[in-house]
Amino acid sequence: MNDGANVLALHRWTNSGHDLVIIVSLANLDFDAYDLGLPQGGLWYEVLNGDAAAYGGRNNGNGGSVTASE
């Protein structure tokens, strides 16, 4: 949790053991760069982006995925 930026991150697992990371920003701000540790490096897919135009948002996001460093 980052109280100052109103960001919350949760690490969960699916029934098959895959990692699931849920990141929520309650700040109503755009972060141009935000470092967040993920469980492992590689390609991570964005499943839901509440800021997408389909949900009435500003359509900012990660283009559907992000590559995490090792």
N, C-alpha and C. Protein backbone atom coordinates (compact mmCIF):
# COMPACT_ATOMS: atom_id res chain seq x y z
N MET A 1 0.84 -1.17 0.00
CA MET A 1 0.00 0.00 0.00
C MET A 1 0.89 1.24 0.00
N ASN A 2 0.47 2.23 -0.74
CA ASN A 2 1.14 3.52 -0.78
C ASN A 2 0.10 4.56 -0.40
N ASP A 3 0.02 4.86 0.90
CA ASP A 3 -1.00 5.79 1.38
C ASP A 3 -0.89 7.17 0.75
N GLY A 4 0.35 7.64 0.54
CA GLY A 4 0.53 8.97 -0.02
C GLY A 4 -0.01 9.12 -1.43
N ALA A 5 0.07 8.07 -2.22
CA ALA A 5 -0.41 8.12 -3.61
C ALA A 5 -1.77 7.46 -3.77
N ASN A 6 -2.33 6.92 -2.68
CA ASN A 6 -3.61 6.21 -2.71
C ASN A 6 -3.60 5.03 -3.68
N VAL A 7 -2.52 4.23 -3.63
CA VAL A 7 -2.37 3.06 -4.47
C VAL A 7 -2.34 1.82 -3.59
N LEU A 8 -3.07 0.80 -4.02
CA LEU A 8 -3.14 -0.47 -3.30
C LEU A 8 -2.81 -1.59 -4.28
N ALA A 9 -1.93 -2.51 -3.88
CA ALA A 9 -1.58 -3.66 -4.72
C ALA A 9 -1.77 -4.93 -3.91
N LEU A 10 -2.41 -5.92 -4.52
CA LEU A 10 -2.65 -7.22 -3.89
C LEU A 10 -2.08 -8.32 -4.76
N HIS A 11 -1.49 -9.31 -4.16
CA HIS A 11 -0.97 -10.47 -4.88
C HIS A 11 -1.82 -11.68 -4.49
N ARG A 12 -2.45 -12.28 -5.48
CA ARG A 12 -3.32 -13.45 -5.26
C ARG A 12 -2.87 -14.54 -6.23
N TRP A 13 -3.49 -15.71 -6.11
CA TRP A 13 -3.18 -16.83 -6.99
C TRP A 13 -4.47 -17.45 -7.50
N THR A 14 -4.44 -17.93 -8.74
CA THR A 14 -5.59 -18.63 -9.28
C THR A 14 -5.59 -20.06 -8.74
N ASN A 15 -6.67 -20.79 -8.97
CA ASN A 15 -6.75 -22.18 -8.52
C ASN A 15 -5.67 -23.05 -9.14
N SER A 16 -5.19 -22.66 -10.32
CA SER A 16 -4.14 -23.43 -10.98
C SER A 16 -2.73 -22.94 -10.61
N GLY A 17 -2.64 -22.00 -9.68
CA GLY A 17 -1.35 -21.55 -9.19
C GLY A 17 -0.72 -20.37 -9.91
N HIS A 18 -1.42 -19.78 -10.87
CA HIS A 18 -0.89 -18.62 -11.58
C HIS A 18 -1.00 -17.37 -10.71
N ASP A 19 -0.01 -16.50 -10.85
CA ASP A 19 -0.02 -15.24 -10.11
C ASP A 19 -1.05 -14.28 -10.68
N LEU A 20 -1.69 -13.54 -9.80
CA LEU A 20 -2.62 -12.48 -10.18
C LEU A 20 -2.30 -11.28 -9.30
N VAL A 21 -2.00 -10.16 -9.93
CA VAL A 21 -1.69 -8.94 -9.18
C VAL A 21 -2.78 -7.92 -9.49
N ILE A 22 -3.39 -7.40 -8.45
CA ILE A 22 -4.45 -6.40 -8.58
C ILE A 22 -3.89 -5.08 -8.08
N ILE A 23 -3.89 -4.08 -8.96
CA ILE A 23 -3.35 -2.77 -8.61
C ILE A 23 -4.47 -1.75 -8.77
N VAL A 24 -4.74 -1.01 -7.71
CA VAL A 24 -5.84 -0.05 -7.70
C VAL A 24 -5.30 1.31 -7.30
N SER A 25 -5.62 2.31 -8.09
CA SER A 25 -5.29 3.69 -7.73
C SER A 25 -6.60 4.40 -7.43
N LEU A 26 -6.69 4.95 -6.26
CA LEU A 26 -7.88 5.71 -5.86
C LEU A 26 -7.63 7.21 -5.91
N ALA A 27 -6.54 7.60 -6.54
CA ALA A 27 -6.13 9.00 -6.55
C ALA A 27 -6.77 9.82 -7.66
N ASN A 28 -7.34 9.17 -8.68
CA ASN A 28 -7.90 9.85 -9.83
C ASN A 28 -6.84 10.73 -10.52
N LEU A 29 -5.61 10.19 -10.54
CA LEU A 29 -4.48 10.85 -11.18
C LEU A 29 -3.83 9.90 -12.17
N ASP A 30 -3.14 10.44 -13.15
CA ASP A 30 -2.35 9.63 -14.07
C ASP A 30 -0.92 9.57 -13.53
N PHE A 31 -0.35 8.37 -13.47
CA PHE A 31 1.04 8.19 -13.09
C PHE A 31 1.83 7.89 -14.35
N ASP A 32 2.70 8.82 -14.75
CA ASP A 32 3.52 8.61 -15.95
C ASP A 32 4.54 7.50 -15.73
N ALA A 33 5.02 7.38 -14.52
CA ALA A 33 5.98 6.33 -14.17
C ALA A 33 5.72 5.94 -12.72
N TYR A 34 5.50 4.65 -12.51
CA TYR A 34 5.25 4.17 -11.15
C TYR A 34 5.92 2.81 -11.04
N ASP A 35 6.91 2.70 -10.17
CA ASP A 35 7.62 1.43 -9.98
C ASP A 35 6.89 0.58 -8.97
N LEU A 36 6.63 -0.64 -9.37
CA LEU A 36 5.92 -1.59 -8.51
C LEU A 36 6.54 -2.96 -8.72
N GLY A 37 6.95 -3.61 -7.65
CA GLY A 37 7.53 -4.93 -7.77
C GLY A 37 6.47 -5.98 -8.09
N LEU A 38 6.76 -6.83 -9.05
CA LEU A 38 5.87 -7.94 -9.39
C LEU A 38 6.56 -9.25 -8.99
N PRO A 39 5.81 -10.32 -8.80
CA PRO A 39 6.39 -11.58 -8.31
C PRO A 39 7.50 -12.16 -9.18
N GLN A 40 7.47 -11.87 -10.48
CA GLN A 40 8.52 -12.37 -11.37
C GLN A 40 8.59 -11.48 -12.61
N GLY A 41 9.76 -11.52 -13.25
CA GLY A 41 9.95 -10.73 -14.46
C GLY A 41 9.23 -11.37 -15.64
N GLY A 42 9.09 -10.59 -16.70
CA GLY A 42 8.45 -11.08 -17.91
C GLY A 42 7.19 -10.32 -18.25
N LEU A 43 6.44 -10.86 -19.17
CA LEU A 43 5.23 -10.22 -19.68
C LEU A 43 4.05 -10.47 -18.76
N TRP A 44 3.38 -9.40 -18.37
CA TRP A 44 2.16 -9.45 -17.56
C TRP A 44 1.04 -8.81 -18.36
N TYR A 45 -0.11 -9.46 -18.39
CA TYR A 45 -1.24 -8.96 -19.16
C TYR A 45 -2.20 -8.15 -18.30
N GLU A 46 -2.69 -7.08 -18.87
CA GLU A 46 -3.69 -6.26 -18.22
C GLU A 46 -5.06 -6.86 -18.53
N VAL A 47 -5.78 -7.28 -17.51
CA VAL A 47 -7.07 -7.93 -17.71
C VAL A 47 -8.20 -6.90 -17.68
N LEU A 48 -8.10 -5.92 -16.80
CA LEU A 48 -9.14 -4.91 -16.67
C LEU A 48 -8.48 -3.57 -16.38
N ASN A 49 -8.88 -2.55 -17.10
CA ASN A 49 -8.40 -1.20 -16.86
C ASN A 49 -9.62 -0.31 -16.71
N GLY A 50 -9.91 0.08 -15.49
CA GLY A 50 -11.08 0.91 -15.22
C GLY A 50 -10.99 2.30 -15.82
N ASP A 51 -9.81 2.69 -16.30
CA ASP A 51 -9.64 3.99 -16.93
C ASP A 51 -9.84 3.91 -18.44
N ALA A 52 -10.23 2.75 -18.95
CA ALA A 52 -10.47 2.58 -20.38
C ALA A 52 -11.71 3.38 -20.81
N ALA A 53 -11.72 3.79 -22.06
CA ALA A 53 -12.85 4.56 -22.58
C ALA A 53 -14.16 3.79 -22.47
N ALA A 54 -14.10 2.47 -22.57
CA ALA A 54 -15.31 1.64 -22.48
C ALA A 54 -16.00 1.79 -21.12
N TYR A 55 -15.24 2.21 -20.11
CA TYR A 55 -15.80 2.39 -18.76
C TYR A 55 -15.97 3.87 -18.42
N GLY A 56 -15.83 4.73 -19.41
CA GLY A 56 -15.99 6.16 -19.18
C GLY A 56 -14.72 6.85 -18.72
N GLY A 57 -13.59 6.17 -18.83
CA GLY A 57 -12.32 6.73 -18.38
C GLY A 57 -11.62 7.55 -19.45
N ARG A 58 -10.40 7.95 -19.12
CA ARG A 58 -9.60 8.79 -20.02
C ARG A 58 -8.84 7.97 -21.05
N ASN A 59 -8.99 6.66 -21.02
CA ASN A 59 -8.37 5.73 -21.97
C ASN A 59 -6.84 5.70 -21.85
N ASN A 60 -6.35 5.85 -20.63
CA ASN A 60 -4.92 5.72 -20.36
C ASN A 60 -4.67 4.30 -19.85
N GLY A 61 -3.54 3.75 -20.19
CA GLY A 61 -3.24 2.39 -19.72
C GLY A 61 -1.90 1.92 -20.21
N ASN A 62 -1.71 0.63 -20.20
CA ASN A 62 -0.45 0.02 -20.57
C ASN A 62 -0.52 -0.70 -21.91
N GLY A 63 -1.54 -0.45 -22.68
CA GLY A 63 -1.66 -1.10 -23.98
C GLY A 63 -1.95 -2.59 -23.87
N GLY A 64 -2.46 -3.03 -22.73
CA GLY A 64 -2.85 -4.43 -22.56
C GLY A 64 -1.81 -5.31 -21.89
N SER A 65 -0.59 -4.79 -21.73
CA SER A 65 0.43 -5.59 -21.05
C SER A 65 1.56 -4.70 -20.56
N VAL A 66 2.39 -5.27 -19.72
CA VAL A 66 3.59 -4.61 -19.21
C VAL A 66 4.67 -5.67 -19.04
N THR A 67 5.91 -5.28 -19.29
CA THR A 67 7.03 -6.22 -19.11
C THR A 67 7.77 -5.84 -17.84
N ALA A 68 7.80 -6.77 -16.90
CA ALA A 68 8.46 -6.54 -15.62
C ALA A 68 9.93 -6.97 -15.70
N SER A 69 10.79 -6.24 -15.04
CA SER A 69 12.21 -6.60 -14.96
C SER A 69 12.39 -7.78 -14.03
N GLU A 70 13.48 -8.52 -14.24
CA GLU A 70 13.80 -9.65 -13.34
C GLU A 70 14.13 -9.13 -11.97
